[in-house]
Amino acid sequence: MVPGRSGLAVLADVNRAKPALPVIILTALGEVDDRVAGLDSGAVDYLTKPFSLKELAARIRAQLRVAAQNRDHHAHRGRYQDRFHLTRGASGRTRRAADGVG
């Protein structure tokens, strides 16, 4: 428990300040309603105490994989959007030149 505040209130503050930051809740509250509330409030994962450090490390690695996949997806999407903007309304010659880029 966070002294003087609920963990969900802290999570809401974190989500407002850093919406892209993945949060894993570590808590003693293990009822289904507690887990659902934490996940519905924006946590990417929820782990109840006592937990294994090995399991926590695996969950962190999983979130790092998701973040890497999201970065790759956005990088590819950006490249294709740039090509689209370059060729929209362009002549056939310009479109063929853009197709050779990337």
Protein backbone atom coordinates (compact mmCIF):
# COMPACT_ATOMS: atom_id res chain seq x y z
CA MET A 1 0.00 0.00 0.00
CA VAL A 2 1.13 3.51 -0.74
CA PRO A 3 0.90 5.61 2.43
CA GLY A 4 -1.94 8.13 2.20
CA ARG A 5 -2.91 7.29 -1.41
CA SER A 6 -4.28 4.37 -3.32
CA GLY A 7 -2.04 2.65 -5.80
CA LEU A 8 -4.64 3.31 -8.50
CA ALA A 9 -4.43 7.06 -7.80
CA VAL A 10 -0.64 6.88 -8.20
CA LEU A 11 -1.12 4.91 -11.42
CA ALA A 12 -3.52 7.58 -12.74
CA ASP A 13 -0.90 10.28 -12.03
CA VAL A 14 1.79 8.24 -13.81
CA ASN A 15 -0.50 7.65 -16.79
CA ARG A 16 -1.19 11.39 -17.07
CA ALA A 17 2.48 12.35 -16.79
CA LYS A 18 3.94 9.53 -18.93
CA PRO A 19 1.15 7.83 -20.91
CA ALA A 20 3.56 5.61 -22.87
CA LEU A 21 5.33 4.30 -19.75
CA PRO A 22 4.42 0.65 -19.11
CA VAL A 23 3.57 0.00 -15.46
CA ILE A 24 3.66 -3.38 -13.74
CA ILE A 25 1.73 -3.35 -10.47
CA LEU A 26 3.39 -5.21 -7.58
CA THR A 27 0.87 -5.60 -4.76
CA ALA A 28 -0.53 -7.69 -1.94
CA LEU A 29 -4.05 -7.18 -3.32
CA GLY A 30 -4.77 -10.36 -5.23
CA GLU A 31 -8.54 -10.55 -5.59
CA VAL A 32 -9.86 -10.73 -9.14
CA ASP A 33 -11.59 -7.35 -8.79
CA ASP A 34 -8.30 -5.76 -7.66
CA ARG A 35 -6.40 -7.23 -10.62
CA VAL A 36 -9.09 -6.16 -13.09
CA ALA A 37 -9.17 -2.64 -11.64
CA GLY A 38 -5.38 -2.33 -11.93
CA LEU A 39 -5.29 -3.56 -15.52
CA ASP A 40 -8.32 -1.48 -16.51
CA SER A 41 -6.63 1.56 -14.96
CA GLY A 42 -3.70 1.27 -17.34
CA ALA A 43 -1.22 -1.20 -15.87
CA VAL A 44 0.33 -3.53 -18.44
CA ASP A 45 0.75 -6.32 -15.90
CA TYR A 46 -0.22 -7.15 -12.31
CA LEU A 47 1.82 -9.33 -9.98
CA THR A 48 0.75 -10.23 -6.45
CA LYS A 49 3.01 -10.74 -3.45
CA PRO A 50 4.72 -12.94 -2.68
CA PHE A 51 6.21 -13.19 -6.15
CA SER A 52 9.34 -14.69 -7.56
CA LEU A 53 12.06 -12.30 -8.71
CA LYS A 54 12.61 -14.72 -11.57
CA GLU A 55 8.98 -14.26 -12.66
CA LEU A 56 9.19 -10.48 -12.28
CA ALA A 57 12.32 -10.43 -14.45
CA ALA A 58 10.52 -12.53 -17.09
CA ARG A 59 7.57 -10.13 -17.10
CA ILE A 60 9.90 -7.15 -17.48
CA ARG A 61 11.65 -8.89 -20.40
CA ALA A 62 8.24 -9.52 -21.98
CA GLN A 63 7.37 -5.82 -21.72
CA LEU A 64 10.74 -4.89 -23.23
CA ARG A 65 9.97 -7.20 -26.19
CA VAL A 66 6.58 -5.52 -26.66
CA ALA A 67 8.24 -2.09 -26.55
CA ALA A 68 10.82 -3.16 -29.15
CA GLN A 69 8.09 -4.52 -31.43
CA ASN A 70 6.14 -1.26 -31.10
CA ARG A 71 9.26 0.76 -31.97
CA ASP A 72 9.88 -1.42 -35.04
CA HIS A 73 6.24 -1.11 -36.11
CA HIS A 74 6.29 2.69 -35.78
CA ALA A 75 9.62 2.95 -37.61
CA HIS A 76 8.26 0.95 -40.56
CA ARG A 77 4.97 2.83 -40.55
CA GLY A 78 6.83 6.15 -40.57
CA ARG A 79 8.96 5.08 -43.52
CA TYR A 80 5.89 4.06 -45.53
CA GLN A 81 4.01 7.22 -44.58
CA ASP A 82 6.97 9.33 -45.71
CA ARG A 83 6.97 7.50 -49.04
CA PHE A 84 3.21 8.02 -49.35
CA HIS A 85 3.53 11.76 -48.70
CA LEU A 86 6.39 11.98 -51.17
CA THR A 87 4.45 10.30 -53.97
CA ARG A 88 0.90 11.56 -53.40
CA GLY A 89 -0.02 13.64 -56.40
CA ALA A 90 3.39 13.09 -57.99
CA SER A 91 4.08 12.07 -61.55
CA GLY A 92 4.74 8.43 -62.47
CA ARG A 93 8.45 9.22 -62.73
CA THR A 94 8.55 10.60 -59.18
CA ARG A 95 6.60 7.62 -57.82
CA ARG A 96 9.01 5.17 -59.48
CA ALA A 97 11.97 7.09 -58.00
CA ALA A 98 10.36 6.96 -54.54
CA ASP A 99 9.74 3.22 -54.91
CA GLY A 100 13.50 2.79 -55.27
CA VAL A 101 14.05 4.50 -51.88
CA GLY A 102 14.08 2.33 -48.77
